[in-house]
Amino acid sequence: MPDTRPKRTRTFEDVLGELERRIAENGLTAGDRLPAERQLAEELGVSRSSVREAMRVLETLGVVTSQVGRGPDAGAVLVSRPGHALTDLLRLHLGLTGL
């Protein structure tokens, strides 16, 4: 019998969607810095680990680069627009979950 329960997204996937929306709406371009992990977690009402996982995905996709530490070089910097990369990732996820 097929599972008919609605599929839930994982929190980091929600964070990815929100980051994509913010990047698009705020007109961020390559070289712009994203908010700090702690700030994003507070704004989105999620754990820092969910934000961290979303950032790892963005880094893997080549959307951001990040540096650990403090100072002007620390944090996540946008290196490309995420539209295609995130769309492809979410499409793959939906395909694998059978939706």
N, C-alpha and C. Protein backbone atom coordinates (compact mmCIF):
# COMPACT_ATOMS: atom_id res chain seq x y z
N MET A 1 0.85 -1.17 0.00
CA MET A 1 0.00 0.00 0.00
C MET A 1 0.89 1.24 0.00
N PRO A 2 0.68 2.18 -0.93
CA PRO A 2 1.52 3.38 -1.01
C PRO A 2 1.29 4.29 0.20
N ASP A 3 2.35 4.96 0.58
CA ASP A 3 2.30 5.92 1.68
C ASP A 3 1.63 7.20 1.18
N THR A 4 0.49 7.56 1.75
CA THR A 4 -0.26 8.73 1.29
C THR A 4 -0.09 9.93 2.21
N ARG A 5 0.76 9.78 3.22
CA ARG A 5 1.00 10.92 4.11
C ARG A 5 1.73 12.02 3.36
N PRO A 6 1.42 13.29 3.66
CA PRO A 6 2.13 14.38 2.99
C PRO A 6 3.61 14.35 3.34
N LYS A 7 4.44 14.62 2.35
CA LYS A 7 5.88 14.65 2.57
C LYS A 7 6.27 15.98 3.21
N ARG A 8 7.07 15.89 4.24
CA ARG A 8 7.54 17.10 4.92
C ARG A 8 8.92 17.44 4.41
N THR A 9 9.18 18.73 4.28
CA THR A 9 10.52 19.13 3.91
C THR A 9 11.37 19.18 5.17
N ARG A 10 12.64 19.00 4.99
CA ARG A 10 13.56 19.12 6.10
C ARG A 10 13.83 20.60 6.32
N THR A 11 14.17 20.95 7.52
CA THR A 11 14.33 22.36 7.87
C THR A 11 15.37 23.04 7.00
N PHE A 12 16.48 22.38 6.72
CA PHE A 12 17.50 23.05 5.91
C PHE A 12 17.00 23.34 4.50
N GLU A 13 16.05 22.53 4.00
CA GLU A 13 15.46 22.80 2.69
C GLU A 13 14.61 24.06 2.73
N ASP A 14 13.91 24.26 3.84
CA ASP A 14 13.14 25.50 4.01
C ASP A 14 14.09 26.70 4.05
N VAL A 15 15.21 26.54 4.73
CA VAL A 15 16.21 27.61 4.81
C VAL A 15 16.76 27.91 3.41
N LEU A 16 17.03 26.87 2.62
CA LEU A 16 17.50 27.07 1.24
C LEU A 16 16.51 27.89 0.43
N GLY A 17 15.24 27.53 0.53
CA GLY A 17 14.21 28.26 -0.20
C GLY A 17 14.13 29.72 0.23
N GLU A 18 14.24 29.96 1.52
CA GLU A 18 14.19 31.32 2.04
C GLU A 18 15.41 32.12 1.59
N LEU A 19 16.58 31.50 1.61
CA LEU A 19 17.78 32.19 1.15
C LEU A 19 17.69 32.54 -0.33
N GLU A 20 17.17 31.61 -1.13
CA GLU A 20 16.99 31.88 -2.56
C GLU A 20 16.04 33.06 -2.75
N ARG A 21 14.94 33.07 -1.99
CA ARG A 21 13.98 34.17 -2.10
C ARG A 21 14.62 35.50 -1.72
N ARG A 22 15.36 35.50 -0.63
CA ARG A 22 16.00 36.73 -0.17
C ARG A 22 17.03 37.25 -1.17
N ILE A 23 17.80 36.34 -1.73
CA ILE A 23 18.80 36.75 -2.72
C ILE A 23 18.12 37.38 -3.92
N ALA A 24 17.04 36.76 -4.38
CA ALA A 24 16.33 37.28 -5.55
C ALA A 24 15.65 38.62 -5.24
N GLU A 25 14.98 38.71 -4.10
CA GLU A 25 14.23 39.93 -3.78
C GLU A 25 15.12 41.10 -3.41
N ASN A 26 16.26 40.83 -2.79
CA ASN A 26 17.15 41.91 -2.37
C ASN A 26 18.16 42.29 -3.44
N GLY A 27 18.12 41.61 -4.57
CA GLY A 27 19.00 41.93 -5.68
C GLY A 27 20.47 41.74 -5.36
N LEU A 28 20.77 40.75 -4.52
CA LEU A 28 22.17 40.49 -4.18
C LEU A 28 22.91 39.96 -5.40
N THR A 29 24.16 40.33 -5.52
CA THR A 29 24.98 39.88 -6.63
C THR A 29 26.28 39.29 -6.10
N ALA A 30 27.06 38.72 -7.01
CA ALA A 30 28.34 38.12 -6.62
C ALA A 30 29.18 39.14 -5.86
N GLY A 31 29.74 38.69 -4.76
CA GLY A 31 30.56 39.55 -3.91
C GLY A 31 29.83 40.07 -2.69
N ASP A 32 28.50 40.00 -2.70
CA ASP A 32 27.72 40.45 -1.54
C ASP A 32 27.80 39.40 -0.44
N ARG A 33 27.82 39.89 0.79
CA ARG A 33 27.92 39.01 1.96
C ARG A 33 26.52 38.67 2.47
N LEU A 34 26.33 37.40 2.82
CA LEU A 34 25.08 36.96 3.43
C LEU A 34 25.14 37.23 4.93
N PRO A 35 23.98 37.34 5.59
CA PRO A 35 23.98 37.53 7.04
C PRO A 35 24.68 36.37 7.75
N ALA A 36 25.13 36.64 8.95
CA ALA A 36 25.82 35.63 9.75
C ALA A 36 24.89 34.48 10.09
N GLU A 37 25.48 33.32 10.31
CA GLU A 37 24.72 32.11 10.65
C GLU A 37 23.79 32.34 11.84
N ARG A 38 24.31 32.94 12.88
CA ARG A 38 23.51 33.18 14.08
C ARG A 38 22.32 34.10 13.78
N GLN A 39 22.57 35.15 13.02
CA GLN A 39 21.51 36.09 12.67
C GLN A 39 20.44 35.40 11.82
N LEU A 40 20.84 34.63 10.83
CA LEU A 40 19.87 33.91 9.99
C LEU A 40 19.03 32.95 10.82
N ALA A 41 19.67 32.23 11.73
CA ALA A 41 18.94 31.27 12.56
C ALA A 41 17.87 31.99 13.39
N GLU A 42 18.23 33.13 13.96
CA GLU A 42 17.27 33.89 14.76
C GLU A 42 16.13 34.43 13.90
N GLU A 43 16.47 35.00 12.75
CA GLU A 43 15.46 35.57 11.85
C GLU A 43 14.48 34.51 11.34
N LEU A 44 14.99 33.32 11.05
CA LEU A 44 14.15 32.27 10.48
C LEU A 44 13.52 31.37 11.53
N GLY A 45 13.94 31.51 12.77
CA GLY A 45 13.39 30.68 13.83
C GLY A 45 13.78 29.22 13.71
N VAL A 46 15.01 28.98 13.28
CA VAL A 46 15.52 27.61 13.11
C VAL A 46 16.83 27.48 13.87
N SER A 47 17.32 26.26 13.94
CA SER A 47 18.60 26.03 14.62
C SER A 47 19.76 26.47 13.73
N ARG A 48 20.88 26.75 14.36
CA ARG A 48 22.08 27.10 13.61
C ARG A 48 22.55 25.93 12.75
N SER A 49 22.31 24.71 13.21
CA SER A 49 22.73 23.56 12.41
C SER A 49 21.94 23.48 11.10
N SER A 50 20.68 23.89 11.11
CA SER A 50 19.89 23.91 9.87
C SER A 50 20.44 24.96 8.91
N VAL A 51 20.81 26.12 9.44
CA VAL A 51 21.41 27.17 8.61
C VAL A 51 22.76 26.68 8.08
N ARG A 52 23.54 26.05 8.93
CA ARG A 52 24.86 25.54 8.54
C ARG A 52 24.73 24.52 7.41
N GLU A 53 23.75 23.62 7.52
CA GLU A 53 23.54 22.62 6.48
C GLU A 53 23.13 23.28 5.17
N ALA A 54 22.27 24.26 5.22
CA ALA A 54 21.86 24.98 4.01
C ALA A 54 23.07 25.67 3.38
N MET A 55 23.92 26.25 4.20
CA MET A 55 25.13 26.92 3.68
C MET A 55 26.07 25.91 3.04
N ARG A 56 26.16 24.72 3.61
CA ARG A 56 27.01 23.67 3.01
C ARG A 56 26.49 23.30 1.62
N VAL A 57 25.19 23.19 1.51
CA VAL A 57 24.60 22.87 0.21
C VAL A 57 24.91 23.99 -0.79
N LEU A 58 24.72 25.24 -0.37
CA LEU A 58 25.01 26.37 -1.26
C LEU A 58 26.48 26.41 -1.66
N GLU A 59 27.35 26.06 -0.72
CA GLU A 59 28.77 26.05 -1.03
C GLU A 59 29.09 24.91 -2.02
N THR A 60 28.48 23.76 -1.81
CA THR A 60 28.68 22.63 -2.72
C THR A 60 28.20 22.95 -4.12
N LEU A 61 27.11 23.71 -4.21
CA LEU A 61 26.55 24.09 -5.51
C LEU A 61 27.33 25.23 -6.16
N GLY A 62 28.28 25.81 -5.43
CA GLY A 62 29.05 26.91 -5.99
C GLY A 62 28.36 28.25 -5.92
N VAL A 63 27.34 28.37 -5.07
CA VAL A 63 26.60 29.62 -4.93
C VAL A 63 27.28 30.56 -3.95
N VAL A 64 27.85 30.01 -2.88
CA VAL A 64 28.56 30.83 -1.89
C VAL A 64 29.93 30.22 -1.61
N THR A 65 30.77 31.05 -1.06
CA THR A 65 32.03 30.58 -0.50
C THR A 65 32.06 31.11 0.93
N SER A 66 32.61 30.35 1.83
CA SER A 66 32.59 30.81 3.22
C SER A 66 33.94 30.62 3.88
N GLN A 67 34.19 31.52 4.82
CA GLN A 67 35.42 31.51 5.61
C GLN A 67 35.04 31.48 7.07
N VAL A 68 35.72 30.65 7.84
CA VAL A 68 35.48 30.56 9.27
C VAL A 68 36.30 31.62 9.97
N GLY A 69 35.76 32.14 11.07
CA GLY A 69 36.51 33.10 11.87
C GLY A 69 35.78 34.40 12.06
N ARG A 70 36.55 35.43 12.35
CA ARG A 70 35.99 36.76 12.56
C ARG A 70 36.70 37.75 11.65
N GLY A 71 36.09 38.88 11.49
CA GLY A 71 36.72 39.91 10.69
C GLY A 71 36.09 40.04 9.33
N PRO A 72 36.70 40.87 8.48
CA PRO A 72 36.09 41.20 7.19
C PRO A 72 36.03 40.04 6.21
N ASP A 73 36.87 39.02 6.40
CA ASP A 73 36.87 37.90 5.46
C ASP A 73 36.01 36.73 5.91
N ALA A 74 35.46 36.80 7.12
CA ALA A 74 34.67 35.70 7.66
C ALA A 74 33.24 35.75 7.13
N GLY A 75 32.60 34.58 7.10
CA GLY A 75 31.20 34.50 6.70
C GLY A 75 31.03 34.01 5.28
N ALA A 76 29.79 34.04 4.82
CA ALA A 76 29.44 33.53 3.49
C ALA A 76 29.32 34.68 2.50
N VAL A 77 29.95 34.51 1.37
CA VAL A 77 29.91 35.51 0.30
C VAL A 77 29.29 34.87 -0.93
N LEU A 78 28.34 35.57 -1.52
CA LEU A 78 27.67 35.09 -2.72
C LEU A 78 28.64 35.13 -3.90
N VAL A 79 28.78 34.01 -4.60
CA VAL A 79 29.66 33.98 -5.76
C VAL A 79 28.89 33.80 -7.07
N SER A 80 27.63 33.39 -6.98
CA SER A 80 26.79 33.30 -8.17
C SER A 80 25.33 33.32 -7.74
N ARG A 81 24.46 33.61 -8.67
CA ARG A 81 23.03 33.60 -8.38
C ARG A 81 22.56 32.15 -8.25
N PRO A 82 21.71 31.86 -7.25
CA PRO A 82 21.36 30.47 -6.98
C PRO A 82 20.23 29.88 -7.80
N GLY A 83 19.59 30.66 -8.62
CA GLY A 83 18.39 30.20 -9.32
C GLY A 83 18.47 28.82 -9.91
N HIS A 84 19.38 28.61 -10.82
CA HIS A 84 19.45 27.31 -11.49
C HIS A 84 19.94 26.21 -10.56
N ALA A 85 20.93 26.51 -9.76
CA ALA A 85 21.49 25.47 -8.88
C ALA A 85 20.44 24.98 -7.88
N LEU A 86 19.73 25.90 -7.23
CA LEU A 86 18.73 25.48 -6.25
C LEU A 86 17.53 24.83 -6.91
N THR A 87 17.14 25.34 -8.06
CA THR A 87 16.02 24.74 -8.76
C THR A 87 16.33 23.30 -9.13
N ASP A 88 17.54 23.07 -9.63
CA ASP A 88 17.94 21.71 -9.98
C ASP A 88 17.98 20.82 -8.75
N LEU A 89 18.51 21.32 -7.64
CA LEU A 89 18.59 20.55 -6.41
C LEU A 89 17.19 20.18 -5.91
N LEU A 90 16.30 21.16 -5.86
CA LEU A 90 14.95 20.89 -5.37
C LEU A 90 14.19 19.96 -6.32
N ARG A 91 14.39 20.10 -7.62
CA ARG A 91 13.75 19.22 -8.59
C ARG A 91 14.23 17.78 -8.37
N LEU A 92 15.53 17.61 -8.14
CA LEU A 92 16.09 16.29 -7.88
C LEU A 92 15.48 15.71 -6.60
N HIS A 93 15.40 16.53 -5.57
CA HIS A 93 14.83 16.07 -4.31
C HIS A 93 13.38 15.62 -4.49
N LEU A 94 12.59 16.43 -5.18
CA LEU A 94 11.19 16.06 -5.40
C LEU A 94 11.09 14.79 -6.22
N GLY A 95 11.97 14.63 -7.22
CA GLY A 95 11.95 13.42 -8.02
C GLY A 95 12.27 12.18 -7.19
N LEU A 96 13.20 12.32 -6.28
CA LEU A 96 13.58 11.17 -5.46
C LEU A 96 12.54 10.82 -4.43
N THR A 97 11.74 11.81 -3.99
CA THR A 97 10.71 11.53 -3.01
C THR A 97 9.42 11.06 -3.64
N GLY A 98 9.35 11.08 -4.98
CA GLY A 98 8.18 10.55 -5.68
C GLY A 98 6.99 11.48 -5.71
N LEU A 99 7.21 12.77 -5.54
CA LEU A 99 6.07 13.71 -5.60
C LEU A 99 5.76 14.10 -7.02
